[in-house]
Amino acid sequence: MPDLPERIVAMVEKEQVHKHNRENKAMEYIRNDVRRGQILGALVSLGSLATAGFCAWIGAPWIIVLGTILPGLSTLFYWLLRRFGD
């Protein structure tokens, strides 16, 4: 089989292209997950602050404390899960 070395090299090159494509897709999924997490975190924070503002407007100060503490607690919970969850 005189063309065996070329076939082996072609096979290795195809495998390398496949591996690079798979790694690029994995990085894209990770980037999208991080972006989605940041957007959802911002929405939770803004929503809780809006709730605190509404509660201040209607005169319920004890709910304001809960509404302003919630973003900090969710950030702490996320950090703890990332740090010790792995």
PDB file of N, CA and C in Angstrom:
ATOM      1  N   MET A   1       0.846  -1.178   0.000  1.00  0.00           N
ATOM      2  CA  MET A   1       0.000   0.000   0.000  1.00  0.00           C
ATOM      3  C   MET A   1       0.893   1.243   0.000  1.00  0.00           C
ATOM      4  N   PRO A   2       1.217   1.728  -1.171  1.00  0.00           N
ATOM      5  CA  PRO A   2       2.148   2.842  -1.273  1.00  0.00           C
ATOM      6  C   PRO A   2       1.588   4.171  -0.742  1.00  0.00           C
ATOM      7  N   ASP A   3       0.273   4.332  -0.719  1.00  0.00           N
ATOM      8  CA  ASP A   3      -0.286   5.612  -0.270  1.00  0.00           C
ATOM      9  C   ASP A   3      -0.648   5.614   1.221  1.00  0.00           C
ATOM     10  N   LEU A   4      -0.209   4.622   1.954  1.00  0.00           N
ATOM     11  CA  LEU A   4      -0.542   4.523   3.379  1.00  0.00           C
ATOM     12  C   LEU A   4      -0.055   5.718   4.203  1.00  0.00           C
ATOM     13  N   PRO A   5       1.177   6.200   4.045  1.00  0.00           N
ATOM     14  CA  PRO A   5       1.594   7.359   4.849  1.00  0.00           C
ATOM     15  C   PRO A   5       0.725   8.598   4.599  1.00  0.00           C
ATOM     16  N   GLU A   6       0.353   8.841   3.353  1.00  0.00           N
ATOM     17  CA  GLU A   6      -0.495  10.007   3.056  1.00  0.00           C
ATOM     18  C   GLU A   6      -1.879   9.840   3.678  1.00  0.00           C
ATOM     19  N   ARG A   7      -2.389   8.624   3.656  1.00  0.00           N
ATOM     20  CA  ARG A   7      -3.703   8.372   4.248  1.00  0.00           C
ATOM     21  C   ARG A   7      -3.660   8.572   5.758  1.00  0.00           C
ATOM     22  N   ILE A   8      -2.584   8.135   6.387  1.00  0.00           N
ATOM     23  CA  ILE A   8      -2.461   8.323   7.833  1.00  0.00           C
ATOM     24  C   ILE A   8      -2.365   9.806   8.168  1.00  0.00           C
ATOM     25  N   VAL A   9      -1.573  10.550   7.416  1.00  0.00           N
ATOM     26  CA  VAL A   9      -1.454  11.992   7.652  1.00  0.00           C
ATOM     27  C   VAL A   9      -2.797  12.678   7.438  1.00  0.00           C
ATOM     28  N   ALA A  10      -3.519  12.302   6.410  1.00  0.00           N
ATOM     29  CA  ALA A  10      -4.840  12.895   6.151  1.00  0.00           C
ATOM     30  C   ALA A  10      -5.800  12.579   7.291  1.00  0.00           C
ATOM     31  N   MET A  11      -5.735  11.363   7.808  1.00  0.00           N
ATOM     32  CA  MET A  11      -6.601  10.972   8.917  1.00  0.00           C
ATOM     33  C   MET A  11      -6.286  11.801  10.158  1.00  0.00           C
ATOM     34  N   VAL A  12      -5.017  12.002  10.441  1.00  0.00           N
ATOM     35  CA  VAL A  12      -4.616  12.798  11.597  1.00  0.00           C
ATOM     36  C   VAL A  12      -5.055  14.249  11.422  1.00  0.00           C
ATOM     37  N   GLU A  13      -4.916  14.783  10.228  1.00  0.00           N
ATOM     38  CA  GLU A  13      -5.334  16.164   9.979  1.00  0.00           C
ATOM     39  C   GLU A  13      -6.836  16.332  10.155  1.00  0.00           C
ATOM     40  N   LYS A  14      -7.622  15.365   9.668  1.00  0.00           N
ATOM     41  CA  LYS A  14      -9.077  15.430   9.837  1.00  0.00           C
ATOM     42  C   LYS A  14      -9.450  15.361  11.318  1.00  0.00           C
ATOM     43  N   GLU A  15      -8.764  14.518  12.061  1.00  0.00           N
ATOM     44  CA  GLU A  15      -9.031  14.402  13.496  1.00  0.00           C
ATOM     45  C   GLU A  15      -8.701  15.698  14.221  1.00  0.00           C
ATOM     46  N   GLN A  16      -7.622  16.344  13.818  1.00  0.00           N
ATOM     47  CA  GLN A  16      -7.240  17.609  14.444  1.00  0.00           C
ATOM     48  C   GLN A  16      -8.281  18.695  14.160  1.00  0.00           C
ATOM     49  N   VAL A  17      -8.760  18.759  12.931  1.00  0.00           N
ATOM     50  CA  VAL A  17      -9.796  19.739  12.587  1.00  0.00           C
ATOM     51  C   VAL A  17     -11.057  19.472  13.396  1.00  0.00           C
ATOM     52  N   HIS A  18     -11.420  18.200  13.523  1.00  0.00           N
ATOM     53  CA  HIS A  18     -12.607  17.836  14.301  1.00  0.00           C
ATOM     54  C   HIS A  18     -12.442  18.246  15.768  1.00  0.00           C
ATOM     55  N   LYS A  19     -11.278  17.989  16.339  1.00  0.00           N
ATOM     56  CA  LYS A  19     -11.024  18.340  17.735  1.00  0.00           C
ATOM     57  C   LYS A  19     -11.083  19.848  17.940  1.00  0.00           C
ATOM     58  N   HIS A  20     -10.512  20.611  17.023  1.00  0.00           N
ATOM     59  CA  HIS A  20     -10.555  22.071  17.134  1.00  0.00           C
ATOM     60  C   HIS A  20     -11.990  22.578  17.041  1.00  0.00           C
ATOM     61  N   ASN A  21     -12.776  22.022  16.138  1.00  0.00           N
ATOM     62  CA  ASN A  21     -14.177  22.434  16.019  1.00  0.00           C
ATOM     63  C   ASN A  21     -14.954  22.132  17.296  1.00  0.00           C
ATOM     64  N   ARG A  22     -14.707  20.961  17.878  1.00  0.00           N
ATOM     65  CA  ARG A  22     -15.397  20.571  19.106  1.00  0.00           C
ATOM     66  C   ARG A  22     -15.007  21.507  20.256  1.00  0.00           C
ATOM     67  N   GLU A  23     -13.727  21.844  20.367  1.00  0.00           N
ATOM     68  CA  GLU A  23     -13.285  22.749  21.419  1.00  0.00           C
ATOM     69  C   GLU A  23     -13.846  24.160  21.221  1.00  0.00           C
ATOM     70  N   ASN A  24     -13.914  24.619  19.990  1.00  0.00           N
ATOM     71  CA  ASN A  24     -14.495  25.940  19.716  1.00  0.00           C
ATOM     72  C   ASN A  24     -15.964  25.980  20.099  1.00  0.00           C
ATOM     73  N   LYS A  25     -16.706  24.904  19.806  1.00  0.00           N
ATOM     74  CA  LYS A  25     -18.111  24.849  20.188  1.00  0.00           C
ATOM     75  C   LYS A  25     -18.278  24.836  21.698  1.00  0.00           C
ATOM     76  N   ALA A  26     -17.421  24.101  22.380  1.00  0.00           N
ATOM     77  CA  ALA A  26     -17.489  24.059  23.847  1.00  0.00           C
ATOM     78  C   ALA A  26     -17.238  25.444  24.430  1.00  0.00           C
ATOM     79  N   MET A  27     -16.268  26.163  23.898  1.00  0.00           N
ATOM     80  CA  MET A  27     -15.995  27.512  24.383  1.00  0.00           C
ATOM     81  C   MET A  27     -17.164  28.454  24.093  1.00  0.00           C
ATOM     82  N   GLU A  28     -17.804  28.276  22.972  1.00  0.00           N
ATOM     83  CA  GLU A  28     -18.970  29.099  22.644  1.00  0.00           C
ATOM     84  C   GLU A  28     -20.115  28.838  23.623  1.00  0.00           C
ATOM     85  N   TYR A  29     -20.348  27.570  23.971  1.00  0.00           N
ATOM     86  CA  TYR A  29     -21.388  27.244  24.940  1.00  0.00           C
ATOM     87  C   TYR A  29     -21.067  27.848  26.309  1.00  0.00           C
ATOM     88  N   ILE A  30     -19.820  27.778  26.723  1.00  0.00           N
ATOM     89  CA  ILE A  30     -19.425  28.346  28.013  1.00  0.00           C
ATOM     90  C   ILE A  30     -19.621  29.861  28.000  1.00  0.00           C
ATOM     91  N   ARG A  31     -19.223  30.503  26.916  1.00  0.00           N
ATOM     92  CA  ARG A  31     -19.373  31.958  26.800  1.00  0.00           C
ATOM     93  C   ARG A  31     -20.853  32.355  26.865  1.00  0.00           C
ATOM     94  N   ASN A  32     -21.706  31.582  26.192  1.00  0.00           N
ATOM     95  CA  ASN A  32     -23.136  31.874  26.228  1.00  0.00           C
ATOM     96  C   ASN A  32     -23.719  31.659  27.627  1.00  0.00           C
ATOM     97  N   ASP A  33     -23.267  30.616  28.332  1.00  0.00           N
ATOM     98  CA  ASP A  33     -23.749  30.374  29.690  1.00  0.00           C
ATOM     99  C   ASP A  33     -23.349  31.506  30.624  1.00  0.00           C
ATOM    100  N   VAL A  34     -22.122  31.982  30.497  1.00  0.00           N
ATOM    101  CA  VAL A  34     -21.661  33.083  31.349  1.00  0.00           C
ATOM    102  C   VAL A  34     -22.475  34.341  31.049  1.00  0.00           C
ATOM    103  N   ARG A  35     -22.680  34.622  29.784  1.00  0.00           N
ATOM    104  CA  ARG A  35     -23.460  35.808  29.401  1.00  0.00           C
ATOM    105  C   ARG A  35     -24.886  35.701  29.942  1.00  0.00           C
ATOM    106  N   ARG A  36     -25.501  34.536  29.810  1.00  0.00           N
ATOM    107  CA  ARG A  36     -26.865  34.335  30.298  1.00  0.00           C
ATOM    108  C   ARG A  36     -26.909  34.508  31.816  1.00  0.00           C
ATOM    109  N   GLY A  37     -25.918  33.999  32.515  1.00  0.00           N
ATOM    110  CA  GLY A  37     -25.878  34.150  33.968  1.00  0.00           C
ATOM    111  C   GLY A  37     -25.740  35.595  34.392  1.00  0.00           C
ATOM    112  N   GLN A  38     -24.939  36.358  33.672  1.00  0.00           N
ATOM    113  CA  GLN A  38     -24.779  37.764  34.005  1.00  0.00           C
ATOM    114  C   GLN A  38     -26.066  38.541  33.767  1.00  0.00           C
ATOM    115  N   ILE A  39     -26.746  38.229  32.679  1.00  0.00           N
ATOM    116  CA  ILE A  39     -28.004  38.913  32.381  1.00  0.00           C
ATOM    117  C   ILE A  39     -29.056  38.577  33.427  1.00  0.00           C
ATOM    118  N   LEU A  40     -29.166  37.291  33.775  1.00  0.00           N
ATOM    119  CA  LEU A  40     -30.157  36.902  34.779  1.00  0.00           C
ATOM    120  C   LEU A  40     -29.822  37.482  36.148  1.00  0.00           C
ATOM    121  N   GLY A  41     -28.540  37.534  36.481  1.00  0.00           N
ATOM    122  CA  GLY A  41     -28.143  38.144  37.748  1.00  0.00           C
ATOM    123  C   GLY A  41     -28.497  39.623  37.802  1.00  0.00           C
ATOM    124  N   ALA A  42     -28.273  40.319  36.695  1.00  0.00           N
ATOM    125  CA  ALA A  42     -28.625  41.736  36.640  1.00  0.00           C
ATOM    126  C   ALA A  42     -30.134  41.924  36.758  1.00  0.00           C
ATOM    127  N   LEU A  43     -30.909  41.057  36.107  1.00  0.00           N
ATOM    128  CA  LEU A  43     -32.368  41.160  36.197  1.00  0.00           C
ATOM    129  C   LEU A  43     -32.865  40.907  37.614  1.00  0.00           C
ATOM    130  N   VAL A  44     -32.291  39.929  38.290  1.00  0.00           N
ATOM    131  CA  VAL A  44     -32.688  39.657  39.677  1.00  0.00           C
ATOM    132  C   VAL A  44     -32.353  40.854  40.560  1.00  0.00           C
ATOM    133  N   SER A  45     -31.175  41.411  40.383  1.00  0.00           N
ATOM    134  CA  SER A  45     -30.780  42.568  41.193  1.00  0.00           C
ATOM    135  C   SER A  45     -31.688  43.765  40.935  1.00  0.00           C
ATOM    136  N   LEU A  46     -31.922  44.051  39.674  1.00  0.00           N
ATOM    137  CA  LEU A  46     -32.791  45.197  39.355  1.00  0.00           C
ATOM    138  C   LEU A  46     -34.224  44.961  39.820  1.00  0.00           C
ATOM    139  N   GLY A  47     -34.689  43.729  39.685  1.00  0.00           N
ATOM    140  CA  GLY A  47     -36.043  43.413  40.144  1.00  0.00           C
ATOM    141  C   GLY A  47     -36.195  43.561  41.645  1.00  0.00           C
ATOM    142  N   SER A  48     -35.194  43.111  42.383  1.00  0.00           N
ATOM    143  CA  SER A  48     -35.288  43.240  43.838  1.00  0.00           C
ATOM    144  C   SER A  48     -35.174  44.701  44.268  1.00  0.00           C
ATOM    145  N   LEU A  49     -34.347  45.474  43.586  1.00  0.00           N
ATOM    146  CA  LEU A  49     -34.268  46.896  43.916  1.00  0.00           C
ATOM    147  C   LEU A  49     -35.555  47.627  43.536  1.00  0.00           C
ATOM    148  N   ALA A  50     -36.171  47.237  42.432  1.00  0.00           N
ATOM    149  CA  ALA A  50     -37.453  47.834  42.060  1.00  0.00           C
ATOM    150  C   ALA A  50     -38.525  47.482  43.088  1.00  0.00           C
ATOM    151  N   THR A  51     -38.497  46.251  43.580  1.00  0.00           N
ATOM    152  CA  THR A  51     -39.440  45.844  44.616  1.00  0.00           C
ATOM    153  C   THR A  51     -39.214  46.645  45.891  1.00  0.00           C
ATOM    154  N   ALA A  52     -37.959  46.853  46.243  1.00  0.00           N
ATOM    155  CA  ALA A  52     -37.647  47.656  47.428  1.00  0.00           C
ATOM    156  C   ALA A  52     -38.152  49.087  47.247  1.00  0.00           C
ATOM    157  N   GLY A  53     -37.972  49.650  46.057  1.00  0.00           N
ATOM    158  CA  GLY A  53     -38.486  50.994  45.795  1.00  0.00           C
ATOM    159  C   GLY A  53     -39.997  51.058  45.889  1.00  0.00           C
ATOM    160  N   PHE A  54     -40.673  50.050  45.363  1.00  0.00           N
ATOM    161  CA  PHE A  54     -42.132  50.009  45.446  1.00  0.00           C
ATOM    162  C   PHE A  54     -42.587  49.906  46.896  1.00  0.00           C
ATOM    163  N   CYS A  55     -41.884  49.068  47.667  1.00  0.00           N
ATOM    164  CA  CYS A  55     -42.257  48.912  49.076  1.00  0.00           C
ATOM    165  C   CYS A  55     -42.011  50.201  49.850  1.00  0.00           C
ATOM    166  N   ALA A  56     -40.970  50.931  49.492  1.00  0.00           N
ATOM    167  CA  ALA A  56     -40.739  52.225  50.131  1.00  0.00           C
ATOM    168  C   ALA A  56     -41.852  53.197  49.771  1.00  0.00           C
ATOM    169  N   TRP A  57     -42.323  53.108  48.546  1.00  0.00           N
ATOM    170  CA  TRP A  57     -43.386  54.003  48.086  1.00  0.00           C
ATOM    171  C   TRP A  57     -44.706  53.725  48.814  1.00  0.00           C
ATOM    172  N   ILE A  58     -44.995  52.431  49.079  1.00  0.00           N
ATOM    173  CA  ILE A  58     -46.258  52.105  49.760  1.00  0.00           C
ATOM    174  C   ILE A  58     -46.106  52.121  51.278  1.00  0.00           C
ATOM    175  N   GLY A  59     -44.875  52.267  51.781  1.00  0.00           N
ATOM    176  CA  GLY A  59     -44.670  52.406  53.217  1.00  0.00           C
ATOM    177  C   GLY A  59     -44.489  51.094  53.958  1.00  0.00           C
ATOM    178  N   ALA A  60     -43.785  50.142  53.380  1.00  0.00           N
ATOM    179  CA  ALA A  60     -43.505  48.867  54.047  1.00  0.00           C
ATOM    180  C   ALA A  60     -41.992  48.732  54.211  1.00  0.00           C
ATOM    181  N   PRO A  61     -41.424  49.361  55.241  1.00  0.00           N
ATOM    182  CA  PRO A  61     -39.959  49.401  55.350  1.00  0.00           C
ATOM    183  C   PRO A  61     -39.307  48.047  55.621  1.00  0.00           C
ATOM    184  N   TRP A  62     -40.006  47.126  56.256  1.00  0.00           N
ATOM    185  CA  TRP A  62     -39.385  45.827  56.548  1.00  0.00           C
ATOM    186  C   TRP A  62     -39.162  45.027  55.273  1.00  0.00           C
ATOM    187  N   ILE A  63     -39.977  45.232  54.256  1.00  0.00           N
ATOM    188  CA  ILE A  63     -39.775  44.540  52.983  1.00  0.00           C
ATOM    189  C   ILE A  63     -38.617  45.174  52.210  1.00  0.00           C
ATOM    190  N   ILE A  64     -38.358  46.449  52.450  1.00  0.00           N
ATOM    191  CA  ILE A  64     -37.246  47.125  51.781  1.00  0.00           C
ATOM    192  C   ILE A  64     -35.930  46.439  52.150  1.00  0.00           C
ATOM    193  N   VAL A  65     -35.793  46.092  53.412  1.00  0.00           N
ATOM    194  CA  VAL A  65     -34.570  45.429  53.860  1.00  0.00           C
ATOM    195  C   VAL A  65     -34.398  44.110  53.116  1.00  0.00           C
ATOM    196  N   LEU A  66     -35.462  43.337  53.003  1.00  0.00           N
ATOM    197  CA  LEU A  66     -35.390  42.069  52.271  1.00  0.00           C
ATOM    198  C   LEU A  66     -35.064  42.307  50.796  1.00  0.00           C
ATOM    199  N   GLY A  67     -35.648  43.327  50.200  1.00  0.00           N
ATOM    200  CA  GLY A  67     -35.424  43.611  48.789  1.00  0.00           C
ATOM    201  C   GLY A  67     -34.028  44.087  48.469  1.00  0.00           C
ATOM    202  N   THR A  68     -33.385  44.747  49.420  1.00  0.00           N
ATOM    203  CA  THR A  68     -32.026  45.208  49.158  1.00  0.00           C
ATOM    204  C   THR A  68     -30.986  44.164  49.549  1.00  0.00           C
ATOM    205  N   ILE A  69     -31.332  43.256  50.440  1.00  0.00           N
ATOM    206  CA  ILE A  69     -30.393  42.207  50.849  1.00  0.00           C
ATOM    207  C   ILE A  69     -30.389  41.047  49.858  1.00  0.00           C
ATOM    208  N   LEU A  70     -31.483  40.823  49.161  1.00  0.00           N
ATOM    209  CA  LEU A  70     -31.597  39.685  48.249  1.00  0.00           C
ATOM    210  C   LEU A  70     -30.492  39.628  47.188  1.00  0.00           C
ATOM    211  N   PRO A  71     -30.121  40.722  46.518  1.00  0.00           N
ATOM    212  CA  PRO A  71     -29.025  40.618  45.535  1.00  0.00           C
ATOM    213  C   PRO A  71     -27.703  40.191  46.168  1.00  0.00           C
ATOM    214  N   GLY A  72     -27.426  40.704  47.352  1.00  0.00           N
ATOM    215  CA  GLY A  72     -26.197  40.308  48.027  1.00  0.00           C
ATOM    216  C   GLY A  72     -26.212  38.840  48.435  1.00  0.00           C
ATOM    217  N   LEU A  73     -27.337  38.375  48.919  1.00  0.00           N
ATOM    218  CA  LEU A  73     -27.442  36.970  49.301  1.00  0.00           C
ATOM    219  C   LEU A  73     -27.355  36.050  48.092  1.00  0.00           C
ATOM    220  N   SER A  74     -27.965  36.452  46.995  1.00  0.00           N
ATOM    221  CA  SER A  74     -27.891  35.604  45.804  1.00  0.00           C
ATOM    222  C   SER A  74     -26.462  35.567  45.255  1.00  0.00           C
ATOM    223  N   THR A  75     -25.752  36.692  45.344  1.00  0.00           N
ATOM    224  CA  THR A  75     -24.351  36.711  44.918  1.00  0.00           C
ATOM    225  C   THR A  75     -23.503  35.825  45.816  1.00  0.00           C
ATOM    226  N   LEU A  76     -23.722  35.890  47.119  1.00  0.00           N
ATOM    227  CA  LEU A  76     -22.989  35.048  48.060  1.00  0.00           C
ATOM    228  C   LEU A  76     -23.287  33.573  47.811  1.00  0.00           C
ATOM    229  N   PHE A  77     -24.550  33.251  47.603  1.00  0.00           N
ATOM    230  CA  PHE A  77     -24.937  31.862  47.341  1.00  0.00           C
ATOM    231  C   PHE A  77     -24.280  31.345  46.066  1.00  0.00           C
ATOM    232  N   TYR A  78     -24.279  32.151  45.023  1.00  0.00           N
ATOM    233  CA  TYR A  78     -23.646  31.766  43.766  1.00  0.00           C
ATOM    234  C   TYR A  78     -22.153  31.547  43.964  1.00  0.00           C
ATOM    235  N   TRP A  79     -21.502  32.447  44.690  1.00  0.00           N
ATOM    236  CA  TRP A  79     -20.064  32.338  44.932  1.00  0.00           C
ATOM    237  C   TRP A  79     -19.752  31.069  45.725  1.00  0.00           C
ATOM    238  N   LEU A  80     -20.550  30.784  46.738  1.00  0.00           N
ATOM    239  CA  LEU A  80     -20.321  29.575  47.531  1.00  0.00           C
ATOM    240  C   LEU A  80     -20.507  28.317  46.692  1.00  0.00           C
ATOM    241  N   LEU A  81     -21.513  28.310  45.838  1.00  0.00           N
ATOM    242  CA  LEU A  81     -21.717  27.147  44.970  1.00  0.00           C
ATOM    243  C   LEU A  81     -20.555  26.968  44.007  1.00  0.00           C
ATOM    244  N   ARG A  82     -20.065  28.050  43.452  1.00  0.00           N
ATOM    245  CA  ARG A  82     -18.934  27.961  42.516  1.00  0.00           C
ATOM    246  C   ARG A  82     -17.662  27.537  43.237  1.00  0.00           C
ATOM    247  N   ARG A  83     -17.475  28.017  44.444  1.00  0.00           N
ATOM    248  CA  ARG A  83     -16.236  27.744  45.170  1.00  0.00           C
ATOM    249  C   ARG A  83     -16.206  26.327  45.742  1.00  0.00           C
ATOM    250  N   PHE A  84     -17.297  25.898  46.361  1.00  0.00           N
ATOM    251  CA  PHE A  84     -17.297  24.625  47.055  1.00  0.00           C
ATOM    252  C   PHE A  84     -18.149  23.560  46.372  1.00  0.00           C
ATOM    253  N   GLY A  85     -18.849  23.911  45.309  1.00  0.00           N
ATOM    254  CA  GLY A  85     -19.714  22.956  44.628  1.00  0.00           C
ATOM    255  C   GLY A  85     -18.986  22.021  43.688  1.00  0.00           C
ATOM    256  N   ASP A  86     -17.787  22.384  43.284  1.00  0.00           N
ATOM    257  CA  ASP A  86     -17.064  21.559  42.308  1.00  0.00           C
ATOM    258  C   ASP A  86     -16.465  20.337  42.914  1.00  0.00           C
TER     259      ASP A  86
END
